[in-house]
Amino acid sequence: RHLSAHEYMAGPDLSIADIAIAPWYGALAKGQLFSAGEFLDGASYQHVLRWYDALSARPAFQRGRRVNRPWGHPASQVRERHSARDFETSGGVGS
C-alpha cells in the first residue's frame, strides 16, 4: 500500500531504505528468491514490482547486486571489491 502512494520507501527520493530492502523484498516478490513468486502471488504486487523494476534498472543497483555474489554465471560475480576497476576485471571465481 505504501508504494501505491510513494515512488520510494521513504518518500519521493531514493534512500538507503530502498537500497537495503530491495535485494530481499523486491527479489522475493519477483520470484528471484526461493521460487517464492508464485507462492506469494508476487505478480499481484504491482507497486512493489514497479518499485523494484525502477531500482533494478539503475546501473549502480546492477553493479551492487554483483558484489560478493558467489552464485550464478561468473560474469555476474564480483567476489571481492576493492576498487571500481574490479567490475571490469571480474571474471568470477577467484577474481
N, C-alpha and C. Protein backbone atom coordinates (compact mmCIF):
# COMPACT_ATOMS: atom_id res chain seq x y z
N ARG A 1 0.82 -1.20 0.00
CA ARG A 1 0.00 0.00 0.00
C ARG A 1 0.86 1.25 0.00
N HIS A 2 1.93 1.21 0.76
CA HIS A 2 2.79 2.38 0.86
C HIS A 2 3.31 2.80 -0.52
N LEU A 3 3.75 1.84 -1.32
CA LEU A 3 4.31 2.16 -2.63
C LEU A 3 3.26 2.58 -3.65
N SER A 4 2.00 2.39 -3.34
CA SER A 4 0.96 2.88 -4.26
C SER A 4 0.88 4.40 -4.22
N ALA A 5 1.34 5.00 -3.13
CA ALA A 5 1.28 6.46 -2.99
C ALA A 5 2.66 7.11 -2.97
N HIS A 6 3.72 6.31 -3.02
CA HIS A 6 5.08 6.85 -2.94
C HIS A 6 5.95 6.19 -4.00
N GLU A 7 6.85 6.97 -4.56
CA GLU A 7 7.76 6.40 -5.55
C GLU A 7 8.78 5.47 -4.91
N TYR A 8 9.23 5.85 -3.71
CA TYR A 8 10.22 5.07 -2.99
C TYR A 8 9.74 4.81 -1.57
N MET A 9 10.48 3.98 -0.85
CA MET A 9 10.07 3.60 0.50
C MET A 9 10.00 4.77 1.48
N ALA A 10 10.93 5.71 1.36
CA ALA A 10 10.96 6.81 2.33
C ALA A 10 10.44 8.11 1.74
N GLY A 11 9.72 8.04 0.63
CA GLY A 11 9.15 9.24 0.05
C GLY A 11 9.51 9.42 -1.41
N PRO A 12 9.72 10.66 -1.84
CA PRO A 12 9.91 10.93 -3.26
C PRO A 12 11.31 10.66 -3.79
N ASP A 13 12.28 10.45 -2.90
CA ASP A 13 13.67 10.25 -3.32
C ASP A 13 14.20 8.89 -2.91
N LEU A 14 15.07 8.36 -3.73
CA LEU A 14 15.76 7.11 -3.41
C LEU A 14 16.55 7.29 -2.12
N SER A 15 16.50 6.29 -1.25
CA SER A 15 17.21 6.38 0.02
C SER A 15 17.86 5.04 0.36
N ILE A 16 18.60 5.05 1.45
CA ILE A 16 19.23 3.83 1.92
C ILE A 16 18.17 2.77 2.25
N ALA A 17 16.97 3.19 2.59
CA ALA A 17 15.89 2.23 2.87
C ALA A 17 15.61 1.39 1.63
N ASP A 18 15.53 2.02 0.48
CA ASP A 18 15.27 1.28 -0.77
C ASP A 18 16.42 0.32 -1.07
N ILE A 19 17.63 0.81 -0.89
CA ILE A 19 18.81 0.00 -1.19
C ILE A 19 18.89 -1.21 -0.27
N ALA A 20 18.49 -1.03 0.98
CA ALA A 20 18.54 -2.13 1.95
C ALA A 20 17.42 -3.14 1.75
N ILE A 21 16.25 -2.67 1.36
CA ILE A 21 15.07 -3.53 1.26
C ILE A 21 14.97 -4.26 -0.07
N ALA A 22 15.35 -3.60 -1.15
CA ALA A 22 15.12 -4.14 -2.49
C ALA A 22 15.71 -5.52 -2.74
N PRO A 23 16.95 -5.79 -2.32
CA PRO A 23 17.51 -7.10 -2.66
C PRO A 23 16.73 -8.29 -2.10
N TRP A 24 16.07 -8.13 -0.99
CA TRP A 24 15.31 -9.26 -0.48
C TRP A 24 13.82 -9.10 -0.74
N TYR A 25 13.24 -7.94 -0.52
CA TYR A 25 11.79 -7.79 -0.67
C TYR A 25 11.38 -7.76 -2.14
N GLY A 26 12.08 -6.97 -2.92
CA GLY A 26 11.76 -6.89 -4.34
C GLY A 26 12.04 -8.19 -5.05
N ALA A 27 13.20 -8.77 -4.76
CA ALA A 27 13.56 -10.03 -5.40
C ALA A 27 12.61 -11.16 -5.01
N LEU A 28 12.13 -11.13 -3.78
CA LEU A 28 11.17 -12.14 -3.32
C LEU A 28 9.86 -12.02 -4.10
N ALA A 29 9.36 -10.80 -4.24
CA ALA A 29 8.11 -10.58 -4.99
C ALA A 29 8.26 -10.97 -6.45
N LYS A 30 9.47 -10.79 -7.01
CA LYS A 30 9.73 -11.14 -8.40
C LYS A 30 9.96 -12.64 -8.59
N GLY A 31 10.01 -13.39 -7.50
CA GLY A 31 10.24 -14.82 -7.61
C GLY A 31 11.69 -15.17 -7.83
N GLN A 32 12.60 -14.26 -7.48
CA GLN A 32 14.03 -14.50 -7.67
C GLN A 32 14.68 -15.15 -6.46
N LEU A 33 13.93 -15.29 -5.38
CA LEU A 33 14.44 -15.94 -4.17
C LEU A 33 13.53 -17.09 -3.80
N PHE A 34 14.10 -18.22 -3.59
CA PHE A 34 13.37 -19.39 -3.07
C PHE A 34 12.16 -19.79 -3.92
N SER A 35 12.10 -19.37 -5.16
CA SER A 35 10.95 -19.67 -6.03
C SER A 35 9.65 -19.28 -5.35
N ALA A 36 9.66 -18.17 -4.65
CA ALA A 36 8.51 -17.76 -3.85
C ALA A 36 7.52 -16.90 -4.60
N GLY A 37 7.86 -16.42 -5.79
CA GLY A 37 6.98 -15.52 -6.52
C GLY A 37 5.59 -16.08 -6.76
N GLU A 38 5.53 -17.33 -7.15
CA GLU A 38 4.23 -17.96 -7.42
C GLU A 38 3.46 -18.17 -6.12
N PHE A 39 4.14 -18.67 -5.10
CA PHE A 39 3.50 -18.93 -3.81
C PHE A 39 2.94 -17.64 -3.21
N LEU A 40 3.70 -16.56 -3.30
CA LEU A 40 3.26 -15.28 -2.74
C LEU A 40 2.37 -14.48 -3.67
N ASP A 41 2.17 -14.99 -4.88
CA ASP A 41 1.43 -14.27 -5.90
C ASP A 41 2.07 -12.90 -6.12
N GLY A 42 3.39 -12.92 -6.32
CA GLY A 42 4.16 -11.71 -6.50
C GLY A 42 3.66 -10.82 -7.62
N ALA A 43 3.09 -11.40 -8.65
CA ALA A 43 2.59 -10.61 -9.77
C ALA A 43 1.47 -9.66 -9.36
N SER A 44 0.79 -9.94 -8.26
CA SER A 44 -0.30 -9.08 -7.83
C SER A 44 0.19 -7.84 -7.08
N TYR A 45 1.47 -7.80 -6.73
CA TYR A 45 2.03 -6.65 -6.02
C TYR A 45 2.57 -5.65 -7.03
N GLN A 46 1.67 -5.04 -7.78
CA GLN A 46 2.07 -4.18 -8.89
C GLN A 46 2.95 -3.01 -8.47
N HIS A 47 2.72 -2.44 -7.32
CA HIS A 47 3.51 -1.29 -6.88
C HIS A 47 4.91 -1.72 -6.41
N VAL A 48 4.99 -2.88 -5.80
CA VAL A 48 6.30 -3.41 -5.40
C VAL A 48 7.10 -3.75 -6.66
N LEU A 49 6.45 -4.34 -7.63
CA LEU A 49 7.14 -4.70 -8.87
C LEU A 49 7.60 -3.45 -9.62
N ARG A 50 6.77 -2.42 -9.66
CA ARG A 50 7.15 -1.16 -10.30
C ARG A 50 8.38 -0.57 -9.62
N TRP A 51 8.35 -0.55 -8.30
CA TRP A 51 9.45 -0.01 -7.50
C TRP A 51 10.73 -0.81 -7.73
N TYR A 52 10.63 -2.13 -7.67
CA TYR A 52 11.81 -2.97 -7.85
C TYR A 52 12.35 -2.87 -9.27
N ASP A 53 11.48 -2.84 -10.26
CA ASP A 53 11.93 -2.71 -11.64
C ASP A 53 12.66 -1.39 -11.86
N ALA A 54 12.16 -0.31 -11.26
CA ALA A 54 12.81 1.00 -11.38
C ALA A 54 14.19 0.98 -10.74
N LEU A 55 14.29 0.36 -9.56
CA LEU A 55 15.59 0.26 -8.90
C LEU A 55 16.55 -0.62 -9.68
N SER A 56 16.07 -1.77 -10.11
CA SER A 56 16.96 -2.72 -10.77
C SER A 56 17.40 -2.25 -12.16
N ALA A 57 16.77 -1.23 -12.70
CA ALA A 57 17.19 -0.66 -13.98
C ALA A 57 18.38 0.29 -13.81
N ARG A 58 18.65 0.69 -12.58
CA ARG A 58 19.74 1.63 -12.31
C ARG A 58 21.10 0.91 -12.39
N PRO A 59 22.05 1.47 -13.15
CA PRO A 59 23.36 0.83 -13.27
C PRO A 59 24.05 0.58 -11.92
N ALA A 60 23.93 1.51 -11.00
CA ALA A 60 24.57 1.33 -9.69
C ALA A 60 23.95 0.15 -8.94
N PHE A 61 22.65 -0.02 -9.07
CA PHE A 61 21.98 -1.15 -8.42
C PHE A 61 22.47 -2.46 -9.04
N GLN A 62 22.59 -2.48 -10.35
CA GLN A 62 23.07 -3.68 -11.04
C GLN A 62 24.49 -4.03 -10.62
N ARG A 63 25.36 -3.03 -10.48
CA ARG A 63 26.72 -3.29 -10.02
C ARG A 63 26.70 -3.82 -8.60
N GLY A 64 25.91 -3.21 -7.74
CA GLY A 64 25.85 -3.63 -6.34
C GLY A 64 25.37 -5.06 -6.18
N ARG A 65 24.48 -5.51 -7.04
CA ARG A 65 23.98 -6.89 -6.96
C ARG A 65 25.05 -7.91 -7.29
N ARG A 66 26.14 -7.48 -7.94
CA ARG A 66 27.21 -8.40 -8.32
C ARG A 66 28.23 -8.60 -7.21
N VAL A 67 28.32 -7.66 -6.27
CA VAL A 67 29.36 -7.70 -5.25
C VAL A 67 29.11 -8.84 -4.25
N ASN A 68 30.15 -9.60 -3.97
CA ASN A 68 30.12 -10.73 -3.04
C ASN A 68 29.08 -11.78 -3.44
N ARG A 69 28.89 -11.94 -4.71
CA ARG A 69 27.93 -12.91 -5.23
C ARG A 69 28.66 -14.17 -5.69
N PRO A 70 28.59 -15.25 -4.95
CA PRO A 70 29.31 -16.47 -5.31
C PRO A 70 28.50 -17.44 -6.17
N TRP A 71 27.32 -17.05 -6.64
CA TRP A 71 26.50 -17.95 -7.43
C TRP A 71 26.19 -17.31 -8.78
N GLY A 72 25.63 -18.10 -9.66
CA GLY A 72 25.27 -17.61 -10.99
C GLY A 72 26.43 -17.63 -11.96
N HIS A 73 26.19 -17.07 -13.11
CA HIS A 73 27.19 -17.02 -14.17
C HIS A 73 28.40 -16.22 -13.68
N PRO A 74 29.62 -16.69 -13.96
CA PRO A 74 30.81 -15.99 -13.48
C PRO A 74 30.86 -14.51 -13.85
N ALA A 75 30.32 -14.13 -14.99
CA ALA A 75 30.32 -12.71 -15.38
C ALA A 75 29.43 -11.86 -14.48
N SER A 76 28.54 -12.52 -13.73
CA SER A 76 27.64 -11.78 -12.83
C SER A 76 28.20 -11.67 -11.42
N GLN A 77 29.44 -12.12 -11.22
CA GLN A 77 30.03 -12.16 -9.89
C GLN A 77 31.22 -11.19 -9.75
N VAL A 78 31.28 -10.52 -8.64
CA VAL A 78 32.46 -9.77 -8.22
C VAL A 78 32.70 -10.25 -6.80
N ARG A 79 33.59 -11.23 -6.66
CA ARG A 79 33.79 -11.88 -5.36
C ARG A 79 34.28 -10.90 -4.30
N GLU A 80 35.21 -10.03 -4.67
CA GLU A 80 35.72 -9.03 -3.74
C GLU A 80 35.80 -7.71 -4.48
N ARG A 81 35.47 -6.65 -3.80
CA ARG A 81 35.53 -5.34 -4.43
C ARG A 81 36.45 -4.43 -3.64
N HIS A 82 37.51 -4.00 -4.31
CA HIS A 82 38.46 -3.09 -3.68
C HIS A 82 38.55 -1.78 -4.44
N SER A 83 38.13 -1.78 -5.70
CA SER A 83 38.12 -0.56 -6.50
C SER A 83 37.06 -0.71 -7.60
N ALA A 84 36.73 0.39 -8.24
CA ALA A 84 35.75 0.36 -9.33
C ALA A 84 36.21 -0.54 -10.47
N ARG A 85 37.50 -0.67 -10.63
CA ARG A 85 38.06 -1.49 -11.70
C ARG A 85 37.72 -2.98 -11.53
N ASP A 86 37.42 -3.39 -10.33
CA ASP A 86 37.07 -4.80 -10.07
C ASP A 86 35.87 -5.23 -10.90
N PHE A 87 34.99 -4.31 -11.24
CA PHE A 87 33.84 -4.67 -12.07
C PHE A 87 34.26 -4.97 -13.50
N GLU A 88 35.32 -4.33 -13.95
CA GLU A 88 35.82 -4.54 -15.31
C GLU A 88 36.62 -5.81 -15.43
N THR A 89 37.37 -6.13 -14.37
CA THR A 89 38.28 -7.27 -14.45
C THR A 89 37.70 -8.55 -13.90
N SER A 90 36.52 -8.47 -13.30
CA SER A 90 35.92 -9.64 -12.68
C SER A 90 35.54 -10.67 -13.73
N GLY A 91 35.99 -11.87 -13.49
CA GLY A 91 35.59 -12.96 -14.34
C GLY A 91 34.93 -14.05 -13.53
N GLY A 92 34.73 -13.77 -12.25
CA GLY A 92 34.07 -14.74 -11.42
C GLY A 92 34.98 -15.27 -10.34
N VAL A 93 34.97 -16.56 -10.17
CA VAL A 93 35.68 -17.23 -9.08
C VAL A 93 37.14 -16.83 -9.08
N GLY A 94 37.60 -16.44 -7.90
CA GLY A 94 39.00 -16.09 -7.74
C GLY A 94 39.35 -14.68 -8.18
N SER A 95 38.42 -13.96 -8.77
CA SER A 95 38.71 -12.60 -9.23
C SER A 95 38.57 -11.61 -8.12
